[in-house]
Amino acid sequence: MTSSALRFLLIDDHALFRTGLSLMLAERWPHAACQHAGTWAEVQRLLADEAQPAPDVVLLDVHLPDGRAVGHLPELIARWPHSPVLLMSGQVNEADVDAARAHGAAGFLSKTASAHEIVAAVQRACEGRGAVFDAWTSPYTAPHVSGQTLSVAEVRPSYGDDGSLQLDARQRDILRYLGRNTPNKAIARQLGLSEDQVRVTVSWLTEALNASSRLQAYETALARGLLRS
């Protein structure tokens, strides 16, 4: 299949993420077409259009404003049975992965994966080489600091019994730097962390705060009283 024939459908409510994903794909497939949708209602309009050509690969965010993507998979697959669907999430857990597999998804991608890793998974789906679940059941390749591997629990936000977001001191410090528009490299140097660790933490925080940018993550945390002195 030539790159000019490829069509990708990107479904995510964050326009900034869709744009970044389009740029990743365009570097590998310069002439491919990327169609965007931000809600399941927009996807339904595409599904209802008989003239709409089937995409070669669908990249679908797990969490949409109008419903969880896993529940919509059967409808999507029924309309385009030969289009592999790759689910995406910033917070990968085994329950979502198992549900995606059970509902017919071709794979599960982490939003914190590198551009190379995401493009490689899409390439595999394009070539019909089977599901890519085995490579994507953890949210990221754990970074190393001082020779030690960091666990997911060390970078991801946690939640209290009442469902409220709980941030540790390091996460609050990183958010404050985001409010100053400080690059990841500089944050890592100031806090004595690896750049990978900062990158992954920022990704988790923006996802948990439902933010579309680094600055919005800081402003949301500030408005919710999460950045105590």
C-alpha atoms as a PDB file:
ATOM      1  CA  MET A   1       0.000   0.000   0.000  1.00  0.00           C
ATOM      2  CA  THR A   2       1.465   3.395  -0.993  1.00  0.00           C
ATOM      3  CA  SER A   3       1.592   6.263   1.491  1.00  0.00           C
ATOM      4  CA  SER A   4      -0.594   8.368  -0.815  1.00  0.00           C
ATOM      5  CA  ALA A   5      -3.399   5.840  -0.378  1.00  0.00           C
ATOM      6  CA  LEU A   6      -3.307   5.809   3.413  1.00  0.00           C
ATOM      7  CA  ARG A   7      -6.103   7.402   5.416  1.00  0.00           C
ATOM      8  CA  PHE A   8      -5.982   7.882   9.183  1.00  0.00           C
ATOM      9  CA  LEU A   9      -8.912   8.774  11.425  1.00  0.00           C
ATOM     10  CA  LEU A  10      -7.784  10.512  14.630  1.00  0.00           C
ATOM     11  CA  ILE A  11     -10.415  10.653  17.376  1.00  0.00           C
ATOM     12  CA  ASP A  12      -9.463  12.679  20.451  1.00  0.00           C
ATOM     13  CA  ASP A  13     -11.094  15.627  22.198  1.00  0.00           C
ATOM     14  CA  HIS A  14      -7.783  17.504  22.505  1.00  0.00           C
ATOM     15  CA  ALA A  15      -7.122  19.307  19.219  1.00  0.00           C
ATOM     16  CA  LEU A  16      -3.524  19.947  20.241  1.00  0.00           C
ATOM     17  CA  PHE A  17      -2.860  16.234  20.654  1.00  0.00           C
ATOM     18  CA  ARG A  18      -4.523  15.428  17.312  1.00  0.00           C
ATOM     19  CA  THR A  19      -2.318  18.021  15.613  1.00  0.00           C
ATOM     20  CA  GLY A  20       0.809  16.542  17.174  1.00  0.00           C
ATOM     21  CA  LEU A  21      -0.239  13.057  16.161  1.00  0.00           C
ATOM     22  CA  SER A  22      -0.869  14.233  12.593  1.00  0.00           C
ATOM     23  CA  LEU A  23       2.630  15.674  12.433  1.00  0.00           C
ATOM     24  CA  MET A  24       4.116  12.391  13.695  1.00  0.00           C
ATOM     25  CA  LEU A  25       2.277  10.438  11.009  1.00  0.00           C
ATOM     26  CA  ALA A  26       3.079  12.992   8.291  1.00  0.00           C
ATOM     27  CA  GLU A  27       6.801  12.533   8.873  1.00  0.00           C
ATOM     28  CA  ARG A  28       6.456   8.840   8.052  1.00  0.00           C
ATOM     29  CA  TRP A  29       3.665   9.116   5.456  1.00  0.00           C
ATOM     30  CA  PRO A  30       3.898  12.620   3.926  1.00  0.00           C
ATOM     31  CA  HIS A  31       0.993  12.147   1.515  1.00  0.00           C
ATOM     32  CA  ALA A  32      -1.421  10.332   3.809  1.00  0.00           C
ATOM     33  CA  ALA A  33      -4.736  11.960   4.747  1.00  0.00           C
ATOM     34  CA  CYS A  34      -5.603  12.545   8.410  1.00  0.00           C
ATOM     35  CA  GLN A  35      -9.238  13.092   9.311  1.00  0.00           C
ATOM     36  CA  HIS A  36     -10.071  14.446  12.765  1.00  0.00           C
ATOM     37  CA  ALA A  37     -12.963  14.030  15.199  1.00  0.00           C
ATOM     38  CA  GLY A  38     -13.223  15.353  18.753  1.00  0.00           C
ATOM     39  CA  THR A  39     -16.370  13.613  20.008  1.00  0.00           C
ATOM     40  CA  TRP A  40     -18.255  10.402  19.424  1.00  0.00           C
ATOM     41  CA  ALA A  41     -21.118  12.448  17.916  1.00  0.00           C
ATOM     42  CA  GLU A  42     -18.726  13.616  15.193  1.00  0.00           C
ATOM     43  CA  VAL A  43     -17.666  10.023  14.579  1.00  0.00           C
ATOM     44  CA  GLN A  44     -21.290   8.939  14.255  1.00  0.00           C
ATOM     45  CA  ARG A  45     -21.795  11.477  11.492  1.00  0.00           C
ATOM     46  CA  LEU A  46     -18.877   9.930   9.635  1.00  0.00           C
ATOM     47  CA  LEU A  47     -20.276   6.449  10.179  1.00  0.00           C
ATOM     48  CA  ALA A  48     -23.648   7.510   8.789  1.00  0.00           C
ATOM     49  CA  ASP A  49     -22.085   8.887   5.600  1.00  0.00           C
ATOM     50  CA  GLU A  50     -22.148   6.051   3.059  1.00  0.00           C
ATOM     51  CA  ALA A  51     -19.683   7.937   0.861  1.00  0.00           C
ATOM     52  CA  GLN A  52     -17.123   8.085   3.649  1.00  0.00           C
ATOM     53  CA  PRO A  53     -14.148   5.878   2.702  1.00  0.00           C
ATOM     54  CA  ALA A  54     -12.883   3.438   5.289  1.00  0.00           C
ATOM     55  CA  PRO A  55      -9.734   4.596   7.067  1.00  0.00           C
ATOM     56  CA  ASP A  56      -6.677   2.380   7.008  1.00  0.00           C
ATOM     57  CA  VAL A  57      -6.139   2.880  10.735  1.00  0.00           C
ATOM     58  CA  VAL A  58      -8.301   4.478  13.423  1.00  0.00           C
ATOM     59  CA  LEU A  59      -6.620   5.986  16.486  1.00  0.00           C
ATOM     60  CA  LEU A  60      -9.232   6.389  19.198  1.00  0.00           C
ATOM     61  CA  ASP A  61      -8.870   8.046  22.598  1.00  0.00           C
ATOM     62  CA  VAL A  62     -10.248   5.949  25.464  1.00  0.00           C
ATOM     63  CA  HIS A  63     -11.960   8.929  27.109  1.00  0.00           C
ATOM     64  CA  LEU A  64     -14.239  11.126  25.006  1.00  0.00           C
ATOM     65  CA  PRO A  65     -16.518  13.902  26.323  1.00  0.00           C
ATOM     66  CA  ASP A  66     -19.617  11.954  25.288  1.00  0.00           C
ATOM     67  CA  GLY A  67     -18.683   8.419  26.281  1.00  0.00           C
ATOM     68  CA  ARG A  68     -15.967   5.831  26.791  1.00  0.00           C
ATOM     69  CA  ALA A  69     -14.494   4.645  23.523  1.00  0.00           C
ATOM     70  CA  VAL A  70     -14.457   0.952  24.444  1.00  0.00           C
ATOM     71  CA  GLY A  71     -18.248   0.858  24.459  1.00  0.00           C
ATOM     72  CA  HIS A  72     -18.357   2.327  20.957  1.00  0.00           C
ATOM     73  CA  LEU A  73     -15.879  -0.114  19.419  1.00  0.00           C
ATOM     74  CA  PRO A  74     -18.494  -2.630  18.129  1.00  0.00           C
ATOM     75  CA  GLU A  75     -20.283   0.107  16.170  1.00  0.00           C
ATOM     76  CA  LEU A  76     -17.024   1.364  14.689  1.00  0.00           C
ATOM     77  CA  ILE A  77     -15.815  -2.109  13.741  1.00  0.00           C
ATOM     78  CA  ALA A  78     -19.193  -3.084  12.274  1.00  0.00           C
ATOM     79  CA  ARG A  79     -19.035  -0.086   9.928  1.00  0.00           C
ATOM     80  CA  TRP A  80     -15.386  -0.565   8.939  1.00  0.00           C
ATOM     81  CA  PRO A  81     -14.538  -4.226   9.668  1.00  0.00           C
ATOM     82  CA  HIS A  82     -11.184  -4.076   7.898  1.00  0.00           C
ATOM     83  CA  SER A  83      -9.936  -0.905   9.604  1.00  0.00           C
ATOM     84  CA  PRO A  84      -7.765  -1.704  12.649  1.00  0.00           C
ATOM     85  CA  VAL A  85      -8.580   0.430  15.689  1.00  0.00           C
ATOM     86  CA  LEU A  86      -5.792   1.447  18.076  1.00  0.00           C
ATOM     87  CA  LEU A  87      -7.010   2.794  21.397  1.00  0.00           C
ATOM     88  CA  MET A  88      -4.976   5.544  23.066  1.00  0.00           C
ATOM     89  CA  SER A  89      -4.721   6.742  26.641  1.00  0.00           C
ATOM     90  CA  GLY A  90      -2.389   8.674  28.893  1.00  0.00           C
ATOM     91  CA  GLN A  91      -3.282   6.352  31.760  1.00  0.00           C
ATOM     92  CA  VAL A  92      -2.955   2.756  30.642  1.00  0.00           C
ATOM     93  CA  ASN A  93      -4.376   0.095  32.946  1.00  0.00           C
ATOM     94  CA  GLU A  94      -4.965  -3.615  32.507  1.00  0.00           C
ATOM     95  CA  ALA A  95      -8.762  -3.294  32.747  1.00  0.00           C
ATOM     96  CA  ASP A  96      -8.892  -0.931  29.755  1.00  0.00           C
ATOM     97  CA  VAL A  97      -6.463  -3.086  27.786  1.00  0.00           C
ATOM     98  CA  ASP A  98      -8.495  -6.231  28.467  1.00  0.00           C
ATOM     99  CA  ALA A  99     -11.751  -4.476  27.523  1.00  0.00           C
ATOM    100  CA  ALA A 100     -10.204  -3.150  24.317  1.00  0.00           C
ATOM    101  CA  ARG A 101      -9.033  -6.610  23.328  1.00  0.00           C
ATOM    102  CA  ALA A 102     -12.419  -8.149  24.144  1.00  0.00           C
ATOM    103  CA  HIS A 103     -14.249  -5.568  22.013  1.00  0.00           C
ATOM    104  CA  GLY A 104     -12.046  -6.115  18.966  1.00  0.00           C
ATOM    105  CA  ALA A 105      -9.448  -3.349  19.073  1.00  0.00           C
ATOM    106  CA  ALA A 106      -6.186  -4.048  17.247  1.00  0.00           C
ATOM    107  CA  GLY A 107      -4.041  -2.562  20.001  1.00  0.00           C
ATOM    108  CA  PHE A 108      -3.626  -0.110  22.832  1.00  0.00           C
ATOM    109  CA  LEU A 109      -1.171   2.800  22.601  1.00  0.00           C
ATOM    110  CA  SER A 110       0.139   5.012  25.359  1.00  0.00           C
ATOM    111  CA  LYS A 111       0.120   8.750  24.739  1.00  0.00           C
ATOM    112  CA  THR A 112       3.405   8.921  26.615  1.00  0.00           C
ATOM    113  CA  ALA A 113       5.168   6.673  24.100  1.00  0.00           C
ATOM    114  CA  SER A 114       7.745   8.234  21.792  1.00  0.00           C
ATOM    115  CA  ALA A 115       6.881   9.308  18.260  1.00  0.00           C
ATOM    116  CA  HIS A 116       9.021   6.443  16.946  1.00  0.00           C
ATOM    117  CA  GLU A 117       7.099   3.889  19.033  1.00  0.00           C
ATOM    118  CA  ILE A 118       3.678   5.233  18.028  1.00  0.00           C
ATOM    119  CA  VAL A 119       4.563   5.340  14.330  1.00  0.00           C
ATOM    120  CA  ALA A 120       5.972   1.809  14.548  1.00  0.00           C
ATOM    121  CA  ALA A 121       2.698   0.540  16.046  1.00  0.00           C
ATOM    122  CA  VAL A 122       0.656   2.298  13.345  1.00  0.00           C
ATOM    123  CA  GLN A 123       2.978   0.829  10.701  1.00  0.00           C
ATOM    124  CA  ARG A 124       2.348  -2.631  12.116  1.00  0.00           C
ATOM    125  CA  ALA A 125      -1.408  -2.076  12.001  1.00  0.00           C
ATOM    126  CA  CYS A 126      -1.194  -0.772   8.414  1.00  0.00           C
ATOM    127  CA  GLU A 127       0.631  -3.907   7.362  1.00  0.00           C
ATOM    128  CA  GLY A 128      -1.912  -6.160   9.014  1.00  0.00           C
ATOM    129  CA  ARG A 129       0.667  -7.922  11.146  1.00  0.00           C
ATOM    130  CA  GLY A 130      -1.752  -8.634  13.959  1.00  0.00           C
ATOM    131  CA  ALA A 131      -2.594  -7.023  17.257  1.00  0.00           C
ATOM    132  CA  VAL A 132       0.015  -4.953  19.046  1.00  0.00           C
ATOM    133  CA  PHE A 133      -1.208  -5.461  22.589  1.00  0.00           C
ATOM    134  CA  ASP A 134       1.889  -7.190  23.886  1.00  0.00           C
ATOM    135  CA  ALA A 135       4.014  -4.104  23.320  1.00  0.00           C
ATOM    136  CA  TRP A 136       1.584  -1.645  24.861  1.00  0.00           C
ATOM    137  CA  THR A 137       0.339  -2.956  28.200  1.00  0.00           C
ATOM    138  CA  SER A 138       2.514  -0.549  30.182  1.00  0.00           C
ATOM    139  CA  PRO A 139       2.156   3.231  29.881  1.00  0.00           C
ATOM    140  CA  TYR A 140       5.769   3.981  29.154  1.00  0.00           C
ATOM    141  CA  THR A 141       9.283   2.644  29.180  1.00  0.00           C
ATOM    142  CA  ALA A 142      10.285   3.521  32.717  1.00  0.00           C
ATOM    143  CA  PRO A 143      12.961   6.207  32.809  1.00  0.00           C
ATOM    144  CA  HIS A 144      16.062   5.848  34.943  1.00  0.00           C
ATOM    145  CA  VAL A 145      17.414   8.227  37.549  1.00  0.00           C
ATOM    146  CA  SER A 146      20.702   7.470  39.298  1.00  0.00           C
ATOM    147  CA  GLY A 147      20.596   3.918  37.969  1.00  0.00           C
ATOM    148  CA  GLN A 148      17.157   3.174  39.434  1.00  0.00           C
ATOM    149  CA  THR A 149      14.017   2.333  37.465  1.00  0.00           C
ATOM    150  CA  LEU A 150      11.023   4.484  38.367  1.00  0.00           C
ATOM    151  CA  SER A 151       7.673   2.790  38.807  1.00  0.00           C
ATOM    152  CA  VAL A 152       4.397   4.127  37.430  1.00  0.00           C
ATOM    153  CA  ALA A 153       3.334   5.006  40.975  1.00  0.00           C
ATOM    154  CA  GLU A 154       6.298   7.356  41.273  1.00  0.00           C
ATOM    155  CA  VAL A 155       5.173   9.624  38.437  1.00  0.00           C
ATOM    156  CA  ARG A 156       1.405   9.309  38.077  1.00  0.00           C
ATOM    157  CA  PRO A 157      -1.075  11.310  40.168  1.00  0.00           C
ATOM    158  CA  SER A 158      -3.074   9.365  42.760  1.00  0.00           C
ATOM    159  CA  TYR A 159      -6.651   9.769  43.960  1.00  0.00           C
ATOM    160  CA  GLY A 160      -8.169   9.922  47.432  1.00  0.00           C
ATOM    161  CA  ASP A 161     -11.074   7.815  48.673  1.00  0.00           C
ATOM    162  CA  ASP A 162     -13.455  10.576  47.576  1.00  0.00           C
ATOM    163  CA  GLY A 163     -12.025  10.541  44.040  1.00  0.00           C
ATOM    164  CA  SER A 164     -10.124  13.819  44.472  1.00  0.00           C
ATOM    165  CA  LEU A 165      -6.780  14.206  42.756  1.00  0.00           C
ATOM    166  CA  GLN A 166      -3.805  13.964  45.114  1.00  0.00           C
ATOM    167  CA  LEU A 167      -0.444  15.481  44.147  1.00  0.00           C
ATOM    168  CA  ASP A 168       2.888  14.959  45.838  1.00  0.00           C
ATOM    169  CA  ALA A 169       5.509  17.669  46.356  1.00  0.00           C
ATOM    170  CA  ARG A 170       7.428  16.780  43.184  1.00  0.00           C
ATOM    171  CA  GLN A 171       4.305  16.917  41.012  1.00  0.00           C
ATOM    172  CA  ARG A 172       3.356  20.300  42.497  1.00  0.00           C
ATOM    173  CA  ASP A 173       6.874  21.608  41.835  1.00  0.00           C
ATOM    174  CA  ILE A 174       6.669  20.484  38.211  1.00  0.00           C
ATOM    175  CA  LEU A 175       3.296  22.202  37.814  1.00  0.00           C
ATOM    176  CA  ARG A 176       4.724  25.459  39.153  1.00  0.00           C
ATOM    177  CA  TYR A 177       7.476  25.283  36.558  1.00  0.00           C
ATOM    178  CA  LEU A 178       4.833  24.705  33.880  1.00  0.00           C
ATOM    179  CA  GLY A 179       3.204  27.949  35.008  1.00  0.00           C
ATOM    180  CA  ARG A 180       6.506  29.707  34.235  1.00  0.00           C
ATOM    181  CA  ASN A 181       6.711  28.041  30.801  1.00  0.00           C
ATOM    182  CA  THR A 182       9.913  26.253  31.824  1.00  0.00           C
ATOM    183  CA  PRO A 183      11.131  23.581  29.335  1.00  0.00           C
ATOM    184  CA  ASN A 184      11.349  19.962  30.495  1.00  0.00           C
ATOM    185  CA  LYS A 185      15.147  19.988  30.285  1.00  0.00           C
ATOM    186  CA  ALA A 186      15.380  22.948  32.626  1.00  0.00           C
ATOM    187  CA  ILE A 187      12.804  21.459  35.025  1.00  0.00           C
ATOM    188  CA  ALA A 188      14.802  18.235  35.148  1.00  0.00           C
ATOM    189  CA  ARG A 189      18.002  20.121  35.905  1.00  0.00           C
ATOM    190  CA  GLN A 190      16.380  22.212  38.664  1.00  0.00           C
ATOM    191  CA  LEU A 191      14.737  19.222  40.374  1.00  0.00           C
ATOM    192  CA  GLY A 192      17.534  16.711  39.866  1.00  0.00           C
ATOM    193  CA  LEU A 193      15.370  14.452  37.690  1.00  0.00           C
ATOM    194  CA  SER A 194      15.775  12.900  34.261  1.00  0.00           C
ATOM    195  CA  GLU A 195      14.167  14.654  31.317  1.00  0.00           C
ATOM    196  CA  ASP A 196      12.191  11.479  30.578  1.00  0.00           C
ATOM    197  CA  GLN A 197      10.776  11.456  34.085  1.00  0.00           C
ATOM    198  CA  VAL A 198       9.655  15.079  33.746  1.00  0.00           C
ATOM    199  CA  ARG A 199       8.121  14.385  30.339  1.00  0.00           C
ATOM    200  CA  VAL A 200       6.103  11.427  31.585  1.00  0.00           C
ATOM    201  CA  THR A 201       4.977  13.258  34.733  1.00  0.00           C
ATOM    202  CA  VAL A 202       3.831  16.250  32.679  1.00  0.00           C
ATOM    203  CA  SER A 203       1.854  13.936  30.418  1.00  0.00           C
ATOM    204  CA  TRP A 204       0.158  12.255  33.382  1.00  0.00           C
ATOM    205  CA  LEU A 205      -0.656  15.613  34.982  1.00  0.00           C
ATOM    206  CA  THR A 206      -2.163  17.182  31.871  1.00  0.00           C
ATOM    207  CA  GLU A 207      -4.301  14.067  31.357  1.00  0.00           C
ATOM    208  CA  ALA A 208      -5.435  13.951  34.998  1.00  0.00           C
ATOM    209  CA  LEU A 209      -6.306  17.658  34.966  1.00  0.00           C
ATOM    210  CA  ASN A 210      -8.068  17.335  31.581  1.00  0.00           C
ATOM    211  CA  ALA A 211      -5.812  20.073  30.233  1.00  0.00           C
ATOM    212  CA  SER A 212      -4.929  20.691  26.598  1.00  0.00           C
ATOM    213  CA  SER A 213      -1.674  22.499  27.358  1.00  0.00           C
ATOM    214  CA  ARG A 214       1.033  22.725  29.995  1.00  0.00           C
ATOM    215  CA  LEU A 215      -0.073  26.205  31.057  1.00  0.00           C
ATOM    216  CA  GLN A 216      -3.695  25.076  31.339  1.00  0.00           C
ATOM    217  CA  ALA A 217      -2.597  22.223  33.596  1.00  0.00           C
ATOM    218  CA  TYR A 218      -0.939  24.733  35.937  1.00  0.00           C
ATOM    219  CA  GLU A 219      -3.932  27.093  35.865  1.00  0.00           C
ATOM    220  CA  THR A 220      -6.387  24.258  36.518  1.00  0.00           C
ATOM    221  CA  ALA A 221      -4.346  22.959  39.445  1.00  0.00           C
ATOM    222  CA  LEU A 222      -4.131  26.487  40.847  1.00  0.00           C
ATOM    223  CA  ALA A 223      -7.881  27.062  40.493  1.00  0.00           C
ATOM    224  CA  ARG A 224      -8.624  23.759  42.230  1.00  0.00           C
ATOM    225  CA  GLY A 225      -6.375  24.575  45.168  1.00  0.00           C
ATOM    226  CA  LEU A 226      -3.908  21.796  44.413  1.00  0.00           C
ATOM    227  CA  LEU A 227      -0.835  24.019  44.564  1.00  0.00           C
ATOM    228  CA  ARG A 228      -0.620  24.797  48.243  1.00  0.00           C
ATOM    229  CA  SER A 229       2.504  26.536  49.436  1.00  0.00           C
END
